[in-house]
PDB file of N, CA and C in Angstrom:
ATOM      1  N   MET A   1      94.444 100.352  94.540  1.00  0.00           N
ATOM      2  CA  MET A   1      94.040  99.671  95.753  1.00  0.00           C
ATOM      3  C   MET A   1      93.901 100.715  96.865  1.00  0.00           C
ATOM      4  N   VAL A   2      92.791 100.695  97.535  1.00  0.00           N
ATOM      5  CA  VAL A   2      92.513 101.635  98.611  1.00  0.00           C
ATOM      6  C   VAL A   2      92.996 101.017  99.923  1.00  0.00           C
ATOM      7  N   PRO A   3      93.817 101.744 100.708  1.00  0.00           N
ATOM      8  CA  PRO A   3      94.281 101.175 101.975  1.00  0.00           C
ATOM      9  C   PRO A   3      93.129 101.012 102.962  1.00  0.00           C
ATOM     10  N   THR A   4      93.227  99.985 103.769  1.00  0.00           N
ATOM     11  CA  THR A   4      92.206  99.709 104.774  1.00  0.00           C
ATOM     12  C   THR A   4      92.391 100.670 105.939  1.00  0.00           C
ATOM     13  N   PRO A   5      91.329 101.370 106.322  1.00  0.00           N
ATOM     14  CA  PRO A   5      91.476 102.293 107.448  1.00  0.00           C
ATOM     15  C   PRO A   5      91.686 101.517 108.752  1.00  0.00           C
ATOM     16  N   VAL A   6      92.469 102.093 109.631  1.00  0.00           N
ATOM     17  CA  VAL A   6      92.712 101.469 110.944  1.00  0.00           C
ATOM     18  C   VAL A   6      92.033 102.287 112.010  1.00  0.00           C
ATOM     19  N   PRO A   7      91.606 101.769 113.089  1.00  0.00           N
ATOM     20  CA  PRO A   7      91.712 100.381 113.499  1.00  0.00           C
ATOM     21  C   PRO A   7      90.700  99.510 112.770  1.00  0.00           C
ATOM     22  N   LEU A   8      91.097  98.308 112.504  1.00  0.00           N
ATOM     23  CA  LEU A   8      90.271  97.344 111.785  1.00  0.00           C
ATOM     24  C   LEU A   8      89.692  96.361 112.800  1.00  0.00           C
ATOM     25  N   VAL A   9      88.397  96.285 112.891  1.00  0.00           N
ATOM     26  CA  VAL A   9      87.741  95.391 113.842  1.00  0.00           C
ATOM     27  C   VAL A   9      87.629  94.013 113.218  1.00  0.00           C
ATOM     28  N   LEU A  10      88.265  93.017 113.841  1.00  0.00           N
ATOM     29  CA  LEU A  10      88.223  91.648 113.336  1.00  0.00           C
ATOM     30  C   LEU A  10      87.149  90.816 114.009  1.00  0.00           C
ATOM     31  N   ALA A  11      86.857  91.144 115.261  1.00  0.00           N
ATOM     32  CA  ALA A  11      85.844  90.412 116.012  1.00  0.00           C
ATOM     33  C   ALA A  11      85.258  91.350 117.053  1.00  0.00           C
ATOM     34  N   ALA A  12      84.045  91.033 117.467  1.00  0.00           N
ATOM     35  CA  ALA A  12      83.390  91.837 118.493  1.00  0.00           C
ATOM     36  C   ALA A  12      82.624  90.912 119.421  1.00  0.00           C
ATOM     37  N   THR A  13      82.556  91.321 120.681  1.00  0.00           N
ATOM     38  CA  THR A  13      81.794  90.551 121.661  1.00  0.00           C
ATOM     39  C   THR A  13      80.817  91.473 122.362  1.00  0.00           C
ATOM     40  N   ALA A  14      79.754  90.882 122.860  1.00  0.00           N
ATOM     41  CA  ALA A  14      78.766  91.652 123.613  1.00  0.00           C
ATOM     42  C   ALA A  14      78.197  90.761 124.705  1.00  0.00           C
ATOM     43  N   GLU A  15      77.842  91.396 125.803  1.00  0.00           N
ATOM     44  CA  GLU A  15      77.261  90.672 126.929  1.00  0.00           C
ATOM     45  C   GLU A  15      76.130  91.516 127.494  1.00  0.00           C
ATOM     46  N   LYS A  16      75.019  90.869 127.764  1.00  0.00           N
ATOM     47  CA  LYS A  16      73.872  91.588 128.306  1.00  0.00           C
ATOM     48  C   LYS A  16      73.237  90.742 129.398  1.00  0.00           C
ATOM     49  N   SER A  17      73.034  91.364 130.534  1.00  0.00           N
ATOM     50  CA  SER A  17      72.350  90.671 131.626  1.00  0.00           C
ATOM     51  C   SER A  17      70.854  90.865 131.450  1.00  0.00           C
ATOM     52  N   THR A  18      70.143  89.785 131.569  1.00  0.00           N
ATOM     53  CA  THR A  18      68.693  89.869 131.421  1.00  0.00           C
ATOM     54  C   THR A  18      68.056  89.889 132.803  1.00  0.00           C
ATOM     55  N   ALA A  19      66.966  90.584 132.887  1.00  0.00           N
ATOM     56  CA  ALA A  19      66.251  90.702 134.158  1.00  0.00           C
ATOM     57  C   ALA A  19      65.075  89.734 134.230  1.00  0.00           C
ATOM     58  N   ALA A  20      65.125  88.706 133.395  1.00  0.00           N
ATOM     59  CA  ALA A  20      64.027  87.743 133.386  1.00  0.00           C
ATOM     60  C   ALA A  20      64.046  86.932 134.685  1.00  0.00           C
ATOM     61  N   PRO A  21      62.901  86.589 135.210  1.00  0.00           N
ATOM     62  CA  PRO A  21      62.872  85.809 136.450  1.00  0.00           C
ATOM     63  C   PRO A  21      63.450  84.410 136.238  1.00  0.00           C
ATOM     64  N   GLY A  22      64.285  84.009 137.178  1.00  0.00           N
ATOM     65  CA  GLY A  22      64.889  82.687 137.117  1.00  0.00           C
ATOM     66  C   GLY A  22      66.129  82.622 136.238  1.00  0.00           C
ATOM     67  N   THR A  23      66.487  83.704 135.592  1.00  0.00           N
ATOM     68  CA  THR A  23      67.678  83.731 134.745  1.00  0.00           C
ATOM     69  C   THR A  23      68.771  84.511 135.458  1.00  0.00           C
ATOM     70  N   THR A  24      69.875  83.852 135.739  1.00  0.00           N
ATOM     71  CA  THR A  24      70.993  84.527 136.407  1.00  0.00           C
ATOM     72  C   THR A  24      72.206  84.657 135.506  1.00  0.00           C
ATOM     73  N   THR A  25      72.268  83.898 134.434  1.00  0.00           N
ATOM     74  CA  THR A  25      73.426  83.960 133.555  1.00  0.00           C
ATOM     75  C   THR A  25      73.200  85.002 132.463  1.00  0.00           C
ATOM     76  N   PRO A  26      74.236  85.759 132.145  1.00  0.00           N
ATOM     77  CA  PRO A  26      74.085  86.758 131.090  1.00  0.00           C
ATOM     78  C   PRO A  26      74.085  86.116 129.699  1.00  0.00           C
ATOM     79  N   THR A  27      73.563  86.845 128.747  1.00  0.00           N
ATOM     80  CA  THR A  27      73.568  86.411 127.354  1.00  0.00           C
ATOM     81  C   THR A  27      74.824  86.955 126.707  1.00  0.00           C
ATOM     82  N   ARG A  28      75.545  86.104 126.005  1.00  0.00           N
ATOM     83  CA  ARG A  28      76.794  86.510 125.364  1.00  0.00           C
ATOM     84  C   ARG A  28      76.748  86.189 123.882  1.00  0.00           C
ATOM     85  N   ILE A  29      77.437  87.023 123.088  1.00  0.00           N
ATOM     86  CA  ILE A  29      77.524  86.792 121.650  1.00  0.00           C
ATOM     87  C   ILE A  29      78.920  87.211 121.192  1.00  0.00           C
ATOM     88  N   MET A  30      79.444  86.479 120.225  1.00  0.00           N
ATOM     89  CA  MET A  30      80.740  86.799 119.619  1.00  0.00           C
ATOM     90  C   MET A  30      80.558  86.790 118.111  1.00  0.00           C
ATOM     91  N   VAL A  31      80.937  87.873 117.466  1.00  0.00           N
ATOM     92  CA  VAL A  31      80.784  87.997 116.015  1.00  0.00           C
ATOM     93  C   VAL A  31      82.170  88.144 115.404  1.00  0.00           C
ATOM     94  N   VAL A  32      82.466  87.263 114.435  1.00  0.00           N
ATOM     95  CA  VAL A  32      83.740  87.296 113.721  1.00  0.00           C
ATOM     96  C   VAL A  32      83.408  87.521 112.253  1.00  0.00           C
ATOM     97  N   GLY A  33      84.291  88.203 111.528  1.00  0.00           N
ATOM     98  CA  GLY A  33      84.049  88.540 110.129  1.00  0.00           C
ATOM     99  C   GLY A  33      83.556  87.373 109.304  1.00  0.00           C
ATOM    100  N   ASN A  34      84.278  86.269 109.305  1.00  0.00           N
ATOM    101  CA  ASN A  34      83.834  85.050 108.629  1.00  0.00           C
ATOM    102  C   ASN A  34      84.581  83.873 109.238  1.00  0.00           C
ATOM    103  N   ALA A  35      84.249  82.696 108.784  1.00  0.00           N
ATOM    104  CA  ALA A  35      84.870  81.502 109.350  1.00  0.00           C
ATOM    105  C   ALA A  35      86.161  81.124 108.647  1.00  0.00           C
ATOM    106  N   ALA A  36      86.625  81.930 107.716  1.00  0.00           N
ATOM    107  CA  ALA A  36      87.838  81.597 106.974  1.00  0.00           C
ATOM    108  C   ALA A  36      89.075  81.594 107.866  1.00  0.00           C
ATOM    109  N   PHE A  37      89.030  82.289 108.995  1.00  0.00           N
ATOM    110  CA  PHE A  37      90.205  82.312 109.859  1.00  0.00           C
ATOM    111  C   PHE A  37      90.450  80.940 110.504  1.00  0.00           C
ATOM    112  N   LEU A  38      89.481  80.040 110.427  1.00  0.00           N
ATOM    113  CA  LEU A  38      89.636  78.679 110.945  1.00  0.00           C
ATOM    114  C   LEU A  38      89.818  77.650 109.842  1.00  0.00           C
ATOM    115  N   ALA A  39      89.995  78.082 108.613  1.00  0.00           N
ATOM    116  CA  ALA A  39      90.161  77.147 107.506  1.00  0.00           C
ATOM    117  C   ALA A  39      91.439  76.334 107.702  1.00  0.00           C
ATOM    118  N   ASP A  40      91.403  75.087 107.267  1.00  0.00           N
ATOM    119  CA  ASP A  40      92.539  74.194 107.449  1.00  0.00           C
ATOM    120  C   ASP A  40      93.812  74.740 106.811  1.00  0.00           C
ATOM    121  N   ASN A  41      93.688  75.305 105.614  1.00  0.00           N
ATOM    122  CA  ASN A  41      94.894  75.790 104.937  1.00  0.00           C
ATOM    123  C   ASN A  41      95.528  76.959 105.691  1.00  0.00           C
ATOM    124  N   ILE A  42      94.746  77.774 106.376  1.00  0.00           N
ATOM    125  CA  ILE A  42      95.306  78.880 107.154  1.00  0.00           C
ATOM    126  C   ILE A  42      95.951  78.356 108.428  1.00  0.00           C
ATOM    127  N   LEU A  43      95.296  77.407 109.096  1.00  0.00           N
ATOM    128  CA  LEU A  43      95.854  76.863 110.336  1.00  0.00           C
ATOM    129  C   LEU A  43      97.124  76.073 110.078  1.00  0.00           C
ATOM    130  N   GLN A  44      97.249  75.455 108.913  1.00  0.00           N
ATOM    131  CA  GLN A  44      98.443  74.679 108.606  1.00  0.00           C
ATOM    132  C   GLN A  44      99.597  75.562 108.167  1.00  0.00           C
ATOM    133  N   GLN A  45      99.316  76.751 107.661  1.00  0.00           N
ATOM    134  CA  GLN A  45     100.387  77.649 107.231  1.00  0.00           C
ATOM    135  C   GLN A  45     101.211  78.139 108.406  1.00  0.00           C
ATOM    136  N   VAL A  46     100.555  78.437 109.502  1.00  0.00           N
ATOM    137  CA  VAL A  46     101.240  78.980 110.668  1.00  0.00           C
ATOM    138  C   VAL A  46     101.021  78.013 111.821  1.00  0.00           C
ATOM    139  N   ALA A  47     102.065  77.280 112.182  1.00  0.00           N
ATOM    140  CA  ALA A  47     101.943  76.342 113.306  1.00  0.00           C
ATOM    141  C   ALA A  47     101.770  77.136 114.590  1.00  0.00           C
ATOM    142  N   GLY A  48     100.861  76.698 115.439  1.00  0.00           N
ATOM    143  CA  GLY A  48     100.605  77.435 116.679  1.00  0.00           C
ATOM    144  C   GLY A  48      99.906  78.747 116.395  1.00  0.00           C
ATOM    145  N   SER A  49      99.020  78.736 115.426  1.00  0.00           N
ATOM    146  CA  SER A  49      98.354  79.948 114.975  1.00  0.00           C
ATOM    147  C   SER A  49      97.542  80.605 116.087  1.00  0.00           C
ATOM    148  N   ALA A  50      97.580  81.911 116.120  1.00  0.00           N
ATOM    149  CA  ALA A  50      96.791  82.660 117.097  1.00  0.00           C
ATOM    150  C   ALA A  50      95.308  82.598 116.752  1.00  0.00           C
ATOM    151  N   ASN A  51      94.977  82.252 115.511  1.00  0.00           N
ATOM    152  CA  ASN A  51      93.563  82.121 115.139  1.00  0.00           C
ATOM    153  C   ASN A  51      92.888  81.033 115.951  1.00  0.00           C
ATOM    154  N   LEU A  52      93.576  79.940 116.162  1.00  0.00           N
ATOM    155  CA  LEU A  52      93.008  78.856 116.949  1.00  0.00           C
ATOM    156  C   LEU A  52      92.818  79.285 118.399  1.00  0.00           C
ATOM    157  N   ASP A  53      93.792  80.036 118.930  1.00  0.00           N
ATOM    158  CA  ASP A  53      93.651  80.579 120.290  1.00  0.00           C
ATOM    159  C   ASP A  53      92.453  81.514 120.376  1.00  0.00           C
ATOM    160  N   LEU A  54      92.270  82.358 119.362  1.00  0.00           N
ATOM    161  CA  LEU A  54      91.137  83.281 119.354  1.00  0.00           C
ATOM    162  C   LEU A  54      89.816  82.505 119.371  1.00  0.00           C
ATOM    163  N   PHE A  55      89.720  81.487 118.545  1.00  0.00           N
ATOM    164  CA  PHE A  55      88.485  80.699 118.482  1.00  0.00           C
ATOM    165  C   PHE A  55      88.219  79.970 119.800  1.00  0.00           C
ATOM    166  N   MET A  56      89.240  79.290 120.319  1.00  0.00           N
ATOM    167  CA  MET A  56      89.046  78.533 121.562  1.00  0.00           C
ATOM    168  C   MET A  56      88.731  79.457 122.738  1.00  0.00           C
ATOM    169  N   ASN A  57      89.399  80.600 122.820  1.00  0.00           N
ATOM    170  CA  ASN A  57      89.098  81.549 123.893  1.00  0.00           C
ATOM    171  C   ASN A  57      87.686  82.117 123.733  1.00  0.00           C
ATOM    172  N   GLY A  58      87.262  82.336 122.495  1.00  0.00           N
ATOM    173  CA  GLY A  58      85.897  82.813 122.264  1.00  0.00           C
ATOM    174  C   GLY A  58      84.862  81.793 122.693  1.00  0.00           C
ATOM    175  N   VAL A  59      85.099  80.525 122.367  1.00  0.00           N
ATOM    176  CA  VAL A  59      84.173  79.469 122.777  1.00  0.00           C
ATOM    177  C   VAL A  59      84.147  79.347 124.294  1.00  0.00           C
ATOM    178  N   ASN A  60      85.316  79.400 124.928  1.00  0.00           N
ATOM    179  CA  ASN A  60      85.365  79.316 126.392  1.00  0.00           C
ATOM    180  C   ASN A  60      84.660  80.513 127.038  1.00  0.00           C
ATOM    181  N   TRP A  61      84.804  81.684 126.463  1.00  0.00           N
ATOM    182  CA  TRP A  61      84.124  82.870 127.011  1.00  0.00           C
ATOM    183  C   TRP A  61      82.613  82.735 126.840  1.00  0.00           C
ATOM    184  N   LEU A  62      82.193  82.255 125.658  1.00  0.00           N
ATOM    185  CA  LEU A  62      80.765  82.066 125.425  1.00  0.00           C
ATOM    186  C   LEU A  62      80.175  81.029 126.376  1.00  0.00           C
ATOM    187  N   ALA A  63      80.958  80.018 126.723  1.00  0.00           N
ATOM    188  CA  ALA A  63      80.501  78.971 127.634  1.00  0.00           C
ATOM    189  C   ALA A  63      80.655  79.390 129.092  1.00  0.00           C
ATOM    190  N   GLN A  64      81.056  80.632 129.319  1.00  0.00           N
ATOM    191  CA  GLN A  64      81.261  81.200 130.650  1.00  0.00           C
ATOM    192  C   GLN A  64      82.281  80.393 131.452  1.00  0.00           C
ATOM    193  N   ALA A  65      83.325  79.954 130.776  1.00  0.00           N
ATOM    194  CA  ALA A  65      84.438  79.249 131.413  1.00  0.00           C
ATOM    195  C   ALA A  65      85.668  80.143 131.323  1.00  0.00           C
ATOM    196  N   GLU A  66      85.608  81.296 131.998  1.00  0.00           N
ATOM    197  CA  GLU A  66      86.683  82.278 131.906  1.00  0.00           C
ATOM    198  C   GLU A  66      88.017  81.741 132.407  1.00  0.00           C
ATOM    199  N   GLU A  67      87.995  80.732 133.291  1.00  0.00           N
ATOM    200  CA  GLU A  67      89.250  80.189 133.798  1.00  0.00           C
ATOM    201  C   GLU A  67      90.027  79.461 132.710  1.00  0.00           C
ATOM    202  N   LEU A  68      89.376  79.117 131.616  1.00  0.00           N
ATOM    203  CA  LEU A  68      90.044  78.442 130.502  1.00  0.00           C
ATOM    204  C   LEU A  68      90.552  79.410 129.447  1.00  0.00           C
ATOM    205  N   VAL A  69      90.205  80.682 129.570  1.00  0.00           N
ATOM    206  CA  VAL A  69      90.636  81.669 128.582  1.00  0.00           C
ATOM    207  C   VAL A  69      92.097  82.017 128.860  1.00  0.00           C
ATOM    208  N   GLY A  70      92.923  81.901 127.852  1.00  0.00           N
ATOM    209  CA  GLY A  70      94.343  82.217 127.993  1.00  0.00           C
ATOM    210  C   GLY A  70      95.074  81.894 126.703  1.00  0.00           C
ATOM    211  N   LEU A  71      96.372  82.099 126.727  1.00  0.00           N
ATOM    212  CA  LEU A  71      97.198  81.818 125.558  1.00  0.00           C
ATOM    213  C   LEU A  71      97.876  80.473 125.733  1.00  0.00           C
ATOM    214  N   SER A  72      97.877  79.685 124.695  1.00  0.00           N
ATOM    215  CA  SER A  72      98.561  78.396 124.769  1.00  0.00           C
ATOM    216  C   SER A  72     100.068  78.622 124.610  1.00  0.00           C
ATOM    217  N   PRO A  73     100.873  77.818 125.289  1.00  0.00           N
ATOM    218  CA  PRO A  73     102.328  78.007 125.195  1.00  0.00           C
ATOM    219  C   PRO A  73     102.833  77.671 123.797  1.00  0.00           C
ATOM    220  N   LYS A  74     103.830  78.404 123.377  1.00  0.00           N
ATOM    221  CA  LYS A  74     104.426  78.158 122.075  1.00  0.00           C
ATOM    222  C   LYS A  74     105.461  77.041 122.203  1.00  0.00           C
ATOM    223  N   ALA A  75     105.535  76.222 121.200  1.00  0.00           N
ATOM    224  CA  ALA A  75     106.544  75.165 121.178  1.00  0.00           C
ATOM    225  C   ALA A  75     107.910  75.813 120.951  1.00  0.00           C
ATOM    226  N   PRO A  76     108.916  75.397 121.713  1.00  0.00           N
ATOM    227  CA  PRO A  76     110.242  75.996 121.528  1.00  0.00           C
ATOM    228  C   PRO A  76     110.823  75.644 120.164  1.00  0.00           C
ATOM    229  N   ASP A  77     111.513  76.593 119.592  1.00  0.00           N
ATOM    230  CA  ASP A  77     112.157  76.372 118.301  1.00  0.00           C
ATOM    231  C   ASP A  77     113.447  75.586 118.510  1.00  0.00           C
ATOM    232  N   ASP A  78     113.738  74.691 117.582  1.00  0.00           N
ATOM    233  CA  ASP A  78     114.992  73.950 117.617  1.00  0.00           C
ATOM    234  C   ASP A  78     116.025  74.771 116.867  1.00  0.00           C
ATOM    235  N   ARG A  79     116.894  75.407 117.619  1.00  0.00           N
ATOM    236  CA  ARG A  79     117.926  76.247 117.000  1.00  0.00           C
ATOM    237  C   ARG A  79     119.284  75.614 117.268  1.00  0.00           C
ATOM    238  N   SER A  80     119.778  74.896 116.321  1.00  0.00           N
ATOM    239  CA  SER A  80     121.072  74.252 116.467  1.00  0.00           C
ATOM    240  C   SER A  80     122.026  74.805 115.423  1.00  0.00           C
ATOM    241  N   VAL A  81     123.296  74.784 115.783  1.00  0.00           N
ATOM    242  CA  VAL A  81     124.338  75.264 114.886  1.00  0.00           C
ATOM    243  C   VAL A  81     125.120  74.058 114.398  1.00  0.00           C
ATOM    244  N   VAL A  82     125.270  73.967 113.115  1.00  0.00           N
ATOM    245  CA  VAL A  82     126.036  72.877 112.522  1.00  0.00           C
ATOM    246  C   VAL A  82     127.313  73.481 111.959  1.00  0.00           C
ATOM    247  N   ILE A  83     128.439  73.057 112.531  1.00  0.00           N
ATOM    248  CA  ILE A  83     129.718  73.585 112.062  1.00  0.00           C
ATOM    249  C   ILE A  83     130.642  72.418 111.727  1.00  0.00           C
ATOM    250  N   THR A  84     131.573  72.687 110.852  1.00  0.00           N
ATOM    251  CA  THR A  84     132.521  71.660 110.413  1.00  0.00           C
ATOM    252  C   THR A  84     133.657  71.537 111.424  1.00  0.00           C
ATOM    253  N   GLY A  85     134.501  70.528 111.214  1.00  0.00           N
ATOM    254  CA  GLY A  85     135.659  70.317 112.092  1.00  0.00           C
ATOM    255  C   GLY A  85     136.619  71.490 112.053  1.00  0.00           C
ATOM    256  N   ASP A  86     136.853  72.058 110.867  1.00  0.00           N
ATOM    257  CA  ASP A  86     137.747  73.220 110.757  1.00  0.00           C
ATOM    258  C   ASP A  86     137.176  74.422 111.514  1.00  0.00           C
ATOM    259  N   GLN A  87     135.869  74.607 111.414  1.00  0.00           N
ATOM    260  CA  GLN A  87     135.246  75.716 112.146  1.00  0.00           C
ATOM    261  C   GLN A  87     135.325  75.490 113.649  1.00  0.00           C
ATOM    262  N   GLN A  88     135.194  74.244 114.093  1.00  0.00           N
ATOM    263  CA  GLN A  88     135.329  73.942 115.525  1.00  0.00           C
ATOM    264  C   GLN A  88     136.735  74.261 116.019  1.00  0.00           C
ATOM    265  N   ARG A  89     137.745  73.856 115.251  1.00  0.00           N
ATOM    266  CA  ARG A  89     139.128  74.154 115.641  1.00  0.00           C
ATOM    267  C   ARG A  89     139.376  75.652 115.683  1.00  0.00           C
ATOM    268  N   TRP A  90     138.894  76.386 114.681  1.00  0.00           N
ATOM    269  CA  TRP A  90     139.085  77.831 114.654  1.00  0.00           C
ATOM    270  C   TRP A  90     138.367  78.498 115.834  1.00  0.00           C
ATOM    271  N   LEU A  91     137.190  78.052 116.153  1.00  0.00           N
ATOM    272  CA  LEU A  91     136.452  78.592 117.279  1.00  0.00           C
ATOM    273  C   LEU A  91     137.197  78.330 118.583  1.00  0.00           C
ATOM    274  N   PHE A  92     137.707  77.133 118.764  1.00  0.00           N
ATOM    275  CA  PHE A  92     138.471  76.802 119.960  1.00  0.00           C
ATOM    276  C   PHE A  92     139.734  77.637 120.052  1.00  0.00           C
ATOM    277  N   LEU A  93     140.505  77.671 118.969  1.00  0.00           N
ATOM    278  CA  LEU A  93     141.771  78.411 118.995  1.00  0.00           C
ATOM    279  C   LEU A  93     141.560  79.901 119.209  1.00  0.00           C
ATOM    280  N   SER A  94     140.539  80.463 118.583  1.00  0.00           N
ATOM    281  CA  SER A  94     140.333  81.904 118.710  1.00  0.00           C
ATOM    282  C   SER A  94     139.817  82.283 120.091  1.00  0.00           C
ATOM    283  N   SER A  95     138.983  81.454 120.706  1.00  0.00           N
ATOM    284  CA  SER A  95     138.413  81.837 121.994  1.00  0.00           C
ATOM    285  C   SER A  95     139.235  81.365 123.185  1.00  0.00           C
ATOM    286  N   VAL A  96     139.895  80.223 123.087  1.00  0.00           N
ATOM    287  CA  VAL A  96     140.628  79.670 124.222  1.00  0.00           C
ATOM    288  C   VAL A  96     142.118  80.017 124.158  1.00  0.00           C
ATOM    289  N   VAL A  97     142.662  80.202 122.972  1.00  0.00           N
ATOM    290  CA  VAL A  97     144.098  80.453 122.852  1.00  0.00           C
ATOM    291  C   VAL A  97     144.378  81.892 122.424  1.00  0.00           C
ATOM    292  N   LEU A  98     143.796  82.325 121.334  1.00  0.00           N
ATOM    293  CA  LEU A  98     144.133  83.615 120.748  1.00  0.00           C
ATOM    294  C   LEU A  98     143.715  84.807 121.610  1.00  0.00           C
ATOM    295  N   LEU A  99     142.481  84.844 122.086  1.00  0.00           N
ATOM    296  CA  LEU A  99     142.030  85.978 122.896  1.00  0.00           C
ATOM    297  C   LEU A  99     142.801  86.112 124.205  1.00  0.00           C
ATOM    298  N   PRO A 100     142.989  85.029 124.981  1.00  0.00           N
ATOM    299  CA  PRO A 100     143.818  85.187 126.190  1.00  0.00           C
ATOM    300  C   PRO A 100     145.259  85.591 125.868  1.00  0.00           C
ATOM    301  N   LEU A 101     145.804  85.092 124.782  1.00  0.00           N
ATOM    302  CA  LEU A 101     147.159  85.471 124.396  1.00  0.00           C
ATOM    303  C   LEU A 101     147.233  86.962 124.070  1.00  0.00           C
ATOM    304  N   LEU A 102     146.229  87.486 123.366  1.00  0.00           N
ATOM    305  CA  LEU A 102     146.188  88.915 123.068  1.00  0.00           C
ATOM    306  C   LEU A 102     146.089  89.752 124.343  1.00  0.00           C
ATOM    307  N   VAL A 103     145.288  89.309 125.308  1.00  0.00           N
ATOM    308  CA  VAL A 103     145.167  90.025 126.581  1.00  0.00           C
ATOM    309  C   VAL A 103     146.497  90.018 127.317  1.00  0.00           C
ATOM    310  N   LEU A 104     147.188  88.880 127.332  1.00  0.00           N
ATOM    311  CA  LEU A 104     148.495  88.800 127.984  1.00  0.00           C
ATOM    312  C   LEU A 104     149.524  89.683 127.290  1.00  0.00           C
ATOM    313  N   LEU A 105     149.531  89.678 125.969  1.00  0.00           N
ATOM    314  CA  LEU A 105     150.467  90.529 125.231  1.00  0.00           C
ATOM    315  C   LEU A 105     150.204  92.008 125.481  1.00  0.00           C
ATOM    316  N   TYR A 106     148.948  92.404 125.472  1.00  0.00           N
ATOM    317  CA  TYR A 106     148.597  93.803 125.726  1.00  0.00           C
ATOM    318  C   TYR A 106     148.967  94.188 127.167  1.00  0.00           C
ATOM    319  N   GLY A 107     148.689  93.299 128.112  1.00  0.00           N
ATOM    320  CA  GLY A 107     149.065  93.557 129.509  1.00  0.00           C
ATOM    321  C   GLY A 107     150.567  93.687 129.660  1.00  0.00           C
ATOM    322  N   GLY A 108     151.324  92.836 128.969  1.00  0.00           N
ATOM    323  CA  GLY A 108     152.791  92.938 129.008  1.00  0.00           C
ATOM    324  C   GLY A 108     153.276  94.246 128.404  1.00  0.00           C
ATOM    325  N   TRP A 109     152.663  94.648 127.314  1.00  0.00           N
ATOM    326  CA  TRP A 109     153.052  95.918 126.683  1.00  0.00           C
ATOM    327  C   TRP A 109     152.760  97.090 127.612  1.00  0.00           C
ATOM    328  N   VAL A 110     151.609  97.126 128.269  1.00  0.00           N
ATOM    329  CA  VAL A 110     151.252  98.191 129.211  1.00  0.00           C
ATOM    330  C   VAL A 110     152.234  98.185 130.389  1.00  0.00           C
ATOM    331  N   TRP A 111     152.547  96.996 130.895  1.00  0.00           N
ATOM    332  CA  TRP A 111     153.490  96.897 132.017  1.00  0.00           C
ATOM    333  C   TRP A 111     154.866  97.446 131.593  1.00  0.00           C
ATOM    334  N   TRP A 112     155.301  97.107 130.385  1.00  0.00           N
ATOM    335  CA  TRP A 112     156.612  97.548 129.899  1.00  0.00           C
ATOM    336  C   TRP A 112     156.654  99.073 129.760  1.00  0.00           C
ATOM    337  N   LYS A 113     155.535  99.674 129.295  1.00  0.00           N
ATOM    338  CA  LYS A 113     155.475 101.139 129.107  1.00  0.00           C
ATOM    339  C   LYS A 113     155.459 101.850 130.463  1.00  0.00           C
ATOM    340  N   ARG A 114     154.802 101.300 131.473  1.00  0.00           N
ATOM    341  CA  ARG A 114     154.680 101.967 132.766  1.00  0.00           C
ATOM    342  C   ARG A 114     155.876 101.721 133.668  1.00  0.00           C
ATOM    343  N   ARG A 115     156.705 100.815 133.320  1.00  0.00           N
ATOM    344  CA  ARG A 115     157.844 100.453 134.137  1.00  0.00           C
ATOM    345  C   ARG A 115     158.843 101.536 134.190  1.00  0.00           C
TER     346      ARG A 115
END
């Protein structure tokens, strides 16, 4: 297998202003390797796919609606921790009881040595 040389161009855009009378808008074109990046199976594999953002931003740029070009916000991930009752007790005892007790014991030992 031959490695793909970098940089790899995935899409290209071009804009040309025409000097034709009565024409004030430039001509724009966007070329993408193929349409497979918009295939349903690819879009469903990665939720919030950047491919969809690329396509929508390209269409908005082609339509000269630059104010619509941007990145869509990502949906926040649900990151929850599920712990058992024993783990909850250990977490409470170690953080609320054990650590302050260790600090007090160490402080008492330092005080006793410096006395």
